């Protein structure tokens, strides 16, 4: 059995990357491997676990050990740790938001994004044993940066949908949002690449021309350093006359999130950059039809389970929302195809199979 160290700038249980890491740990431990998690979340000067053990001490000099780096942002320890490791090395690439989205909003975030993309090229030059990607879109970026396609595999990120499907929906949210109004939902960080401004324009067009008894619910917290973005959204909501029809929620418990999906008539996405997009998979599993603008990894993730367009036209999105909500046959088809796609591609058992297949060259 091998000793495995999984390393990331932060390992948070409610973050997509954090969930992926925790499920990897669970699966590898179940196969008899010793697995340690390493991060700077605890404020240490270099990546270590909660016992204060540093990752290079943990892995030692045994060539049979395995180091798995989850790469999703620039990090000062990324290249020193990977270059110094004398064991087998794996990169899991979650993609990195292009810095241009943050240049005029949050210079620190822009710098981290720019550094992360530069580090991806350096990680590929290190000639690691395996390169895993959340999506074919992410894999293509690695190949274009020089990764050997024979060492690359798509392994979708693990999710907590088993838990979300089993939890009881929050009764208060069901009462407040299930009163008969049409709810359009988006779940995702309040960040400039997530396309909130386009969501507001599309919803305004839908509400004006299709359904005046509707509400847009945006679940996702913004970064404290990016208050200007939230202020811009609030101004747009006021300008569009949507003050009483748009709800901005910073956080939601699992029970509350389950209830918001239960009350949603459609999931609307207009993100301009995604490496995978877990919330659309949640929508598939929870029988919410998906409508939106599809770029980067979104069309690959959604497939035929949504009305996804290659142009960001608010009137086209409004018309598509109306179809997904009011046309019973279209709605039923979207829901059925979505749930089937979830079961066939994104159920954790399926992802576990692809993860273990990807590791076969290392005999793990």
Protein backbone atom coordinates (compact mmCIF):
# COMPACT_ATOMS: atom_id res chain seq x y z
CA UNK A 1 0.00 0.00 0.00
CA UNK A 2 1.20 3.51 -0.77
CA UNK A 3 1.50 6.64 1.29
CA UNK A 4 -0.42 9.46 -0.42
CA UNK A 5 -0.22 13.18 0.30
CA UNK A 6 -2.93 15.44 -1.11
CA UNK A 7 -2.05 19.12 -1.14
CA UNK A 8 -4.02 22.30 -1.85
CA UNK A 9 -3.91 25.95 -0.71
CA UNK A 10 -7.14 25.36 1.24
CA UNK A 11 -9.23 22.28 1.99
CA UNK A 12 -12.76 23.38 2.83
CA UNK A 13 -15.63 20.85 3.02
CA UNK A 14 -18.20 23.09 1.30
CA UNK A 15 -15.90 24.16 -1.54
CA UNK A 16 -15.92 22.19 -4.82
CA UNK A 17 -12.18 21.54 -4.66
CA UNK A 18 -12.38 20.65 -0.97
CA UNK A 19 -15.15 18.13 -1.60
CA UNK A 20 -13.11 16.56 -4.39
CA UNK A 21 -10.12 16.20 -2.06
CA UNK A 22 -12.13 14.69 0.80
CA UNK A 23 -13.72 12.09 -1.45
CA UNK A 24 -10.32 11.17 -2.90
CA UNK A 25 -9.05 10.67 0.64
CA UNK A 26 -12.05 8.47 1.49
CA UNK A 27 -11.62 6.28 -1.60
CA UNK A 28 -7.87 5.85 -1.29
CA UNK A 29 -8.11 5.03 2.42
CA UNK A 30 -10.77 2.42 1.67
CA UNK A 31 -8.25 0.74 -0.64
CA UNK A 32 -5.74 0.52 2.20
CA UNK A 33 -3.53 3.50 1.42
CA UNK A 34 -2.31 5.94 4.07
CA UNK A 35 -3.59 9.38 3.07
CA UNK A 36 -2.59 12.75 4.54
CA UNK A 37 -4.13 16.12 3.67
CA UNK A 38 -1.88 19.20 3.52
CA UNK A 39 -2.81 22.86 3.25
CA UNK A 40 -1.93 26.34 4.47
CA UNK A 41 -5.45 26.85 5.81
CA UNK A 42 -4.01 26.55 9.31
CA UNK A 43 -1.66 29.49 8.77
CA UNK A 44 1.58 27.51 8.75
CA UNK A 45 4.59 28.78 6.78
CA UNK A 46 4.47 25.80 4.40
CA UNK A 47 1.93 23.08 3.55
CA UNK A 48 1.30 20.85 6.53
CA UNK A 49 -1.56 18.92 8.09
CA UNK A 50 -3.33 19.73 11.36
CA UNK A 51 -0.60 17.92 13.34
CA UNK A 52 2.01 20.32 11.98
CA UNK A 53 3.63 17.62 9.83
CA UNK A 54 5.06 19.08 6.61
CA UNK A 55 4.28 17.26 3.41
CA UNK A 56 7.83 16.58 2.27
CA UNK A 57 8.62 15.06 5.68
CA UNK A 58 5.44 12.98 5.45
CA UNK A 59 6.31 11.60 2.02
CA UNK A 60 9.98 11.23 2.83
CA UNK A 61 12.16 9.95 0.02
CA UNK A 62 10.24 6.81 -0.90
CA UNK A 63 9.72 6.75 -4.67
CA UNK A 64 6.54 4.69 -4.23
CA UNK A 65 4.79 7.52 -2.35
CA UNK A 66 2.28 9.64 -4.24
CA UNK A 67 1.77 13.42 -4.15
CA UNK A 68 -1.53 14.78 -5.54
CA UNK A 69 -1.70 18.54 -6.08
CA UNK A 70 -5.09 20.19 -6.64
CA UNK A 71 -4.41 23.24 -8.79
CA UNK A 72 -7.10 25.93 -8.84
CA UNK A 73 -5.29 29.19 -7.99
CA UNK A 74 -1.80 30.64 -7.76
CA UNK A 75 0.06 29.51 -4.62
CA UNK A 76 3.59 30.17 -3.45
CA UNK A 77 4.15 26.52 -2.46
CA UNK A 78 2.95 24.90 -5.67
CA UNK A 79 6.21 24.67 -7.59
CA UNK A 80 8.66 24.28 -4.65
CA UNK A 81 6.70 21.33 -3.25
CA UNK A 82 6.17 19.60 -6.59
CA UNK A 83 9.77 20.16 -7.71
CA UNK A 84 11.25 18.87 -4.45
CA UNK A 85 9.11 15.74 -4.21
CA UNK A 86 11.02 12.54 -5.02
CA UNK A 87 7.89 10.42 -5.35
CA UNK A 88 5.22 9.94 -8.01
CA UNK A 89 3.32 13.14 -8.73
CA UNK A 90 -0.23 13.85 -9.92
CA UNK A 91 -1.82 17.20 -10.81
CA UNK A 92 -5.61 17.60 -10.60
CA UNK A 93 -6.51 20.73 -12.58
CA UNK A 94 -9.76 22.51 -11.65
CA UNK A 95 -9.06 25.45 -13.98
CA UNK A 96 -8.30 29.05 -13.00
CA UNK A 97 -10.40 32.11 -13.74
CA UNK A 98 -8.65 34.41 -16.24
CA UNK A 99 -7.19 37.42 -14.44
CA UNK A 100 -8.97 39.87 -16.76
CA UNK A 101 -12.19 39.34 -14.80
CA UNK A 102 -10.53 40.80 -11.69
CA UNK A 103 -8.07 43.36 -13.07
CA UNK A 104 -10.28 46.39 -12.34
CA UNK A 105 -11.90 44.92 -9.24
CA UNK A 106 -9.45 42.99 -7.08
CA UNK A 107 -5.75 43.27 -8.00
CA UNK A 108 -4.76 40.59 -5.48
CA UNK A 109 -7.18 38.06 -6.96
CA UNK A 110 -6.04 39.01 -10.46
CA UNK A 111 -2.42 38.41 -9.50
CA UNK A 112 -3.21 34.99 -7.99
CA UNK A 113 -5.11 33.96 -11.12
CA UNK A 114 -2.31 35.12 -13.38
CA UNK A 115 0.27 33.30 -11.25
CA UNK A 116 -1.83 30.13 -11.24
CA UNK A 117 -1.99 30.04 -15.02
CA UNK A 118 1.76 30.58 -15.26
CA UNK A 119 2.31 27.80 -12.72
CA UNK A 120 0.24 25.39 -14.84
CA UNK A 121 2.84 25.64 -17.60
CA UNK A 122 5.62 25.06 -15.08
CA UNK A 123 3.80 22.04 -13.60
CA UNK A 124 3.63 20.50 -17.05
CA UNK A 125 7.34 21.15 -17.58
CA UNK A 126 7.99 19.18 -14.37
CA UNK A 127 6.84 16.08 -16.30
CA UNK A 128 4.54 14.70 -13.59
CA UNK A 129 3.30 11.12 -13.78
CA UNK A 130 -0.39 11.95 -14.31
CA UNK A 131 -2.50 15.01 -15.14
CA UNK A 132 -6.19 14.81 -14.21
CA UNK A 133 -8.81 17.35 -15.27
CA UNK A 134 -12.35 18.12 -14.12
CA UNK A 135 -13.54 18.37 -17.73
CA UNK A 136 -12.47 17.90 -21.33
CA UNK A 137 -12.18 21.70 -21.48
CA UNK A 138 -9.61 21.67 -18.67
CA UNK A 139 -7.78 18.73 -20.21
CA UNK A 140 -7.49 20.59 -23.51
CA UNK A 141 -5.87 23.55 -21.73
CA UNK A 142 -3.24 21.21 -20.26
CA UNK A 143 -2.55 19.55 -23.60
CA UNK A 144 -2.22 22.96 -25.28
CA UNK A 145 0.27 23.92 -22.56
CA UNK A 146 2.39 20.87 -23.41
CA UNK A 147 1.07 17.96 -21.34
CA UNK A 148 1.43 14.50 -22.89
CA UNK A 149 -2.15 13.40 -23.76
CA UNK A 150 -1.21 9.82 -22.83
CA UNK A 151 -0.77 10.95 -19.23
CA UNK A 152 -3.99 12.99 -19.14
CA UNK A 153 -7.46 11.86 -18.04
CA UNK A 154 -10.79 13.52 -17.36
CA UNK A 155 -12.01 12.78 -13.83
CA UNK A 156 -15.07 14.82 -12.94
CA UNK A 157 -15.03 16.36 -9.45
CA UNK A 158 -16.67 14.36 -6.69
CA UNK A 159 -19.80 15.89 -5.18
CA UNK A 160 -21.94 15.68 -2.06
CA UNK A 161 -25.18 15.00 -3.91
CA UNK A 162 -25.88 11.81 -1.97
CA UNK A 163 -26.05 13.98 1.14
CA UNK A 164 -28.05 16.75 -0.54
CA UNK A 165 -30.56 14.28 -1.95
CA UNK A 166 -31.12 12.67 1.43
CA UNK A 167 -31.41 15.80 3.60
CA UNK A 168 -34.86 17.13 4.42
CA UNK A 169 -35.59 20.44 2.71
CA UNK A 170 -35.84 23.43 5.02
CA UNK A 171 -39.50 24.01 5.89
CA UNK A 172 -39.18 27.79 6.25
CA UNK A 173 -37.66 28.19 2.79
CA UNK A 174 -40.33 25.91 1.30
CA UNK A 175 -42.99 28.10 2.91
CA UNK A 176 -41.45 31.42 1.88
CA UNK A 177 -40.51 30.49 -1.70
CA UNK A 178 -43.10 27.85 -2.54
CA UNK A 179 -46.11 30.16 -2.41
CA UNK A 180 -46.85 30.01 -6.13
CA UNK A 181 -44.45 32.51 -7.72
CA UNK A 182 -42.12 31.20 -10.42
CA UNK A 183 -38.60 30.95 -8.98
CA UNK A 184 -35.56 31.13 -11.26
CA UNK A 185 -32.41 29.98 -9.47
CA UNK A 186 -28.67 30.44 -9.82
CA UNK A 187 -26.12 28.99 -7.37
CA UNK A 188 -22.51 30.14 -7.50
CA UNK A 189 -19.98 32.57 -6.04
CA UNK A 190 -20.80 36.24 -6.50
CA UNK A 191 -17.81 36.79 -8.74
CA UNK A 192 -17.42 38.64 -12.06
CA UNK A 193 -16.87 35.54 -14.19
CA UNK A 194 -20.22 34.10 -13.04
CA UNK A 195 -22.25 36.38 -15.31
CA UNK A 196 -24.70 37.83 -12.77
CA UNK A 197 -25.25 40.95 -14.89
CA UNK A 198 -26.34 38.81 -17.82
CA UNK A 199 -28.59 36.81 -15.49
CA UNK A 200 -30.31 40.02 -14.41
CA UNK A 201 -30.79 41.19 -18.01
CA UNK A 202 -32.23 37.80 -19.04
CA UNK A 203 -34.52 37.64 -16.02
CA UNK A 204 -35.74 41.20 -16.64
CA UNK A 205 -36.62 40.24 -20.22
CA UNK A 206 -38.39 37.11 -19.01
CA UNK A 207 -40.34 38.97 -16.38
CA UNK A 208 -41.39 41.78 -18.74
CA UNK A 209 -42.35 39.64 -21.69
CA UNK A 210 -43.24 36.21 -20.29
CA UNK A 211 -44.04 36.04 -16.58
CA UNK A 212 -44.49 39.05 -14.33
CA UNK A 213 -45.13 36.79 -11.32
CA UNK A 214 -41.54 35.55 -11.11
CA UNK A 215 -38.51 35.94 -8.87
CA UNK A 216 -34.76 35.44 -9.36
CA UNK A 217 -32.88 33.82 -6.46
CA UNK A 218 -29.08 34.17 -6.49
CA UNK A 219 -27.33 31.97 -3.91
CA UNK A 220 -23.63 32.61 -3.38
CA UNK A 221 -21.37 34.79 -1.31
CA UNK A 222 -19.09 37.48 -2.68
CA UNK A 223 -15.52 38.10 -1.57
CA UNK A 224 -15.15 40.91 0.93
CA UNK A 225 -12.53 42.54 -1.33
CA UNK A 226 -15.01 42.58 -4.21
CA UNK A 227 -17.82 44.65 -2.70
CA UNK A 228 -17.79 46.84 -5.77
CA UNK A 229 -19.12 43.94 -7.83
CA UNK A 230 -22.09 43.44 -5.49
CA UNK A 231 -22.72 47.19 -5.50
CA UNK A 232 -22.78 47.11 -9.30
CA UNK A 233 -25.34 44.31 -9.23
CA UNK A 234 -27.52 46.16 -6.72
CA UNK A 235 -27.44 49.25 -8.94
CA UNK A 236 -28.43 47.14 -11.95
CA UNK A 237 -31.30 45.59 -9.98
CA UNK A 238 -32.53 49.10 -9.12
CA UNK A 239 -32.10 50.33 -12.72
CA UNK A 240 -34.13 47.38 -14.04
CA UNK A 241 -36.84 47.91 -11.41
CA UNK A 242 -36.27 44.46 -9.90
CA UNK A 243 -35.83 45.44 -6.24
CA UNK A 244 -38.78 43.32 -5.11
CA UNK A 245 -38.08 40.47 -7.52
CA UNK A 246 -34.40 39.54 -7.00
CA UNK A 247 -33.06 37.88 -3.85
CA UNK A 248 -29.33 37.88 -3.06
CA UNK A 249 -28.41 35.18 -0.52
CA UNK A 250 -24.86 34.95 0.79
CA UNK A 251 -25.13 31.49 2.34
CA UNK A 252 -27.49 28.56 2.57
CA UNK A 253 -27.36 25.42 4.68
CA UNK A 254 -27.73 22.09 2.89
CA UNK A 255 -31.37 21.94 3.96
CA UNK A 256 -31.98 25.49 2.71
CA UNK A 257 -30.19 24.79 -0.58
CA UNK A 258 -32.28 21.65 -1.06
CA UNK A 259 -35.41 23.73 -0.52
CA UNK A 260 -34.33 26.38 -3.04
CA UNK A 261 -33.84 23.69 -5.67
CA UNK A 262 -37.23 22.21 -4.73
CA UNK A 263 -38.90 25.60 -5.24
CA UNK A 264 -37.04 26.43 -8.47
CA UNK A 265 -38.83 26.23 -11.82
CA UNK A 266 -35.53 26.53 -13.70
CA UNK A 267 -31.80 26.98 -13.17
CA UNK A 268 -30.40 29.90 -15.19
CA UNK A 269 -26.68 30.19 -15.94
CA UNK A 270 -24.78 32.86 -17.87
CA UNK A 271 -21.27 32.27 -16.53
CA UNK A 272 -18.42 33.42 -18.74
CA UNK A 273 -15.87 30.99 -17.34
CA UNK A 274 -16.28 27.56 -15.71
CA UNK A 275 -13.93 24.63 -15.36
CA UNK A 276 -16.84 22.28 -14.66
CA UNK A 277 -19.81 23.86 -12.76
CA UNK A 278 -21.12 21.60 -9.98
CA UNK A 279 -24.44 23.49 -9.50
CA UNK A 280 -25.72 22.38 -12.92
CA UNK A 281 -25.14 18.78 -11.81
CA UNK A 282 -27.08 19.51 -8.63
CA UNK A 283 -29.89 20.80 -10.85
CA UNK A 284 -29.85 17.58 -12.88
CA UNK A 285 -30.02 15.42 -9.77
CA UNK A 286 -32.79 17.51 -8.21
CA UNK A 287 -34.96 17.67 -11.34
CA UNK A 288 -34.55 21.36 -12.16
CA UNK A 289 -34.35 22.16 -15.91
CA UNK A 290 -31.28 24.13 -17.00
CA UNK A 291 -31.26 27.15 -19.29
CA UNK A 292 -28.38 29.43 -20.16
CA UNK A 293 -25.43 30.74 -22.05
CA UNK A 294 -22.82 28.05 -22.59
CA UNK A 295 -19.14 28.76 -22.79
CA UNK A 296 -15.89 27.12 -21.55
CA UNK A 297 -16.84 23.83 -19.78
CA UNK A 298 -20.59 24.49 -19.40
CA UNK A 299 -21.79 22.92 -22.69
CA UNK A 300 -19.74 19.77 -21.95
CA UNK A 301 -21.08 19.45 -18.42
CA UNK A 302 -24.73 20.06 -19.34
CA UNK A 303 -24.80 18.19 -22.66
CA UNK A 304 -28.37 17.54 -23.82
CA UNK A 305 -29.77 18.13 -20.32
CA UNK A 306 -30.42 21.85 -20.85
CA UNK A 307 -31.28 24.62 -23.29
CA UNK A 308 -27.74 25.96 -23.65
CA UNK A 309 -26.83 28.54 -26.29
CA UNK A 310 -23.51 29.79 -27.64
CA UNK A 311 -24.55 33.44 -27.54
CA UNK A 312 -25.38 35.55 -24.51
CA UNK A 313 -28.69 37.03 -25.70
CA UNK A 314 -31.10 38.02 -22.88
CA UNK A 315 -34.16 37.64 -25.10
CA UNK A 316 -33.12 34.19 -26.26
CA UNK A 317 -32.53 33.17 -22.64
CA UNK A 318 -35.91 34.63 -21.63
CA UNK A 319 -37.67 32.67 -24.37
CA UNK A 320 -35.78 29.51 -23.34
CA UNK A 321 -36.79 30.03 -19.71
CA UNK A 322 -40.40 30.24 -20.81
CA UNK A 323 -40.06 27.00 -22.79
CA UNK A 324 -38.40 25.15 -19.91
CA UNK A 325 -41.02 26.34 -17.43
CA UNK A 326 -44.30 26.56 -19.38
CA UNK A 327 -43.97 23.86 -22.07
CA UNK A 328 -44.85 20.65 -20.21
CA UNK A 329 -43.32 18.30 -22.78
CA UNK A 330 -40.09 20.26 -23.08
CA UNK A 331 -39.83 20.54 -19.30
CA UNK A 332 -40.38 16.82 -18.80
CA UNK A 333 -37.73 15.99 -21.41
CA UNK A 334 -35.14 18.29 -19.84
CA UNK A 335 -35.74 16.87 -16.37
CA UNK A 336 -35.55 13.26 -17.58
CA UNK A 337 -32.39 13.82 -19.61
CA UNK A 338 -30.82 15.73 -16.72
CA UNK A 339 -31.41 13.02 -14.15
CA UNK A 340 -30.19 10.35 -16.55
CA UNK A 341 -27.03 12.35 -17.25
CA UNK A 342 -26.41 12.73 -13.51
CA UNK A 343 -26.79 8.99 -12.90
CA UNK A 344 -24.68 7.97 -15.92
CA UNK A 345 -21.86 10.51 -15.62
CA UNK A 346 -21.82 12.40 -12.35
CA UNK A 347 -22.92 9.99 -9.64
CA UNK A 348 -20.00 9.50 -7.25
CA UNK A 349 -19.82 5.79 -8.08
CA UNK A 350 -19.22 6.68 -11.75
CA UNK A 351 -16.61 9.29 -10.82
CA UNK A 352 -14.89 6.81 -8.50
CA UNK A 353 -14.61 4.32 -11.37
CA UNK A 354 -12.99 6.92 -13.64
CA UNK A 355 -10.66 8.06 -10.82
CA UNK A 356 -9.42 4.53 -10.16
CA UNK A 357 -9.00 3.85 -13.89
CA UNK A 358 -6.91 7.01 -14.21
CA UNK A 359 -4.66 5.79 -11.36
CA UNK A 360 -4.07 2.35 -12.89
CA UNK A 361 -0.70 3.34 -14.47
CA UNK A 362 0.56 3.92 -10.92
CA UNK A 363 -0.89 0.61 -9.65
CA UNK A 364 -2.86 2.36 -6.91
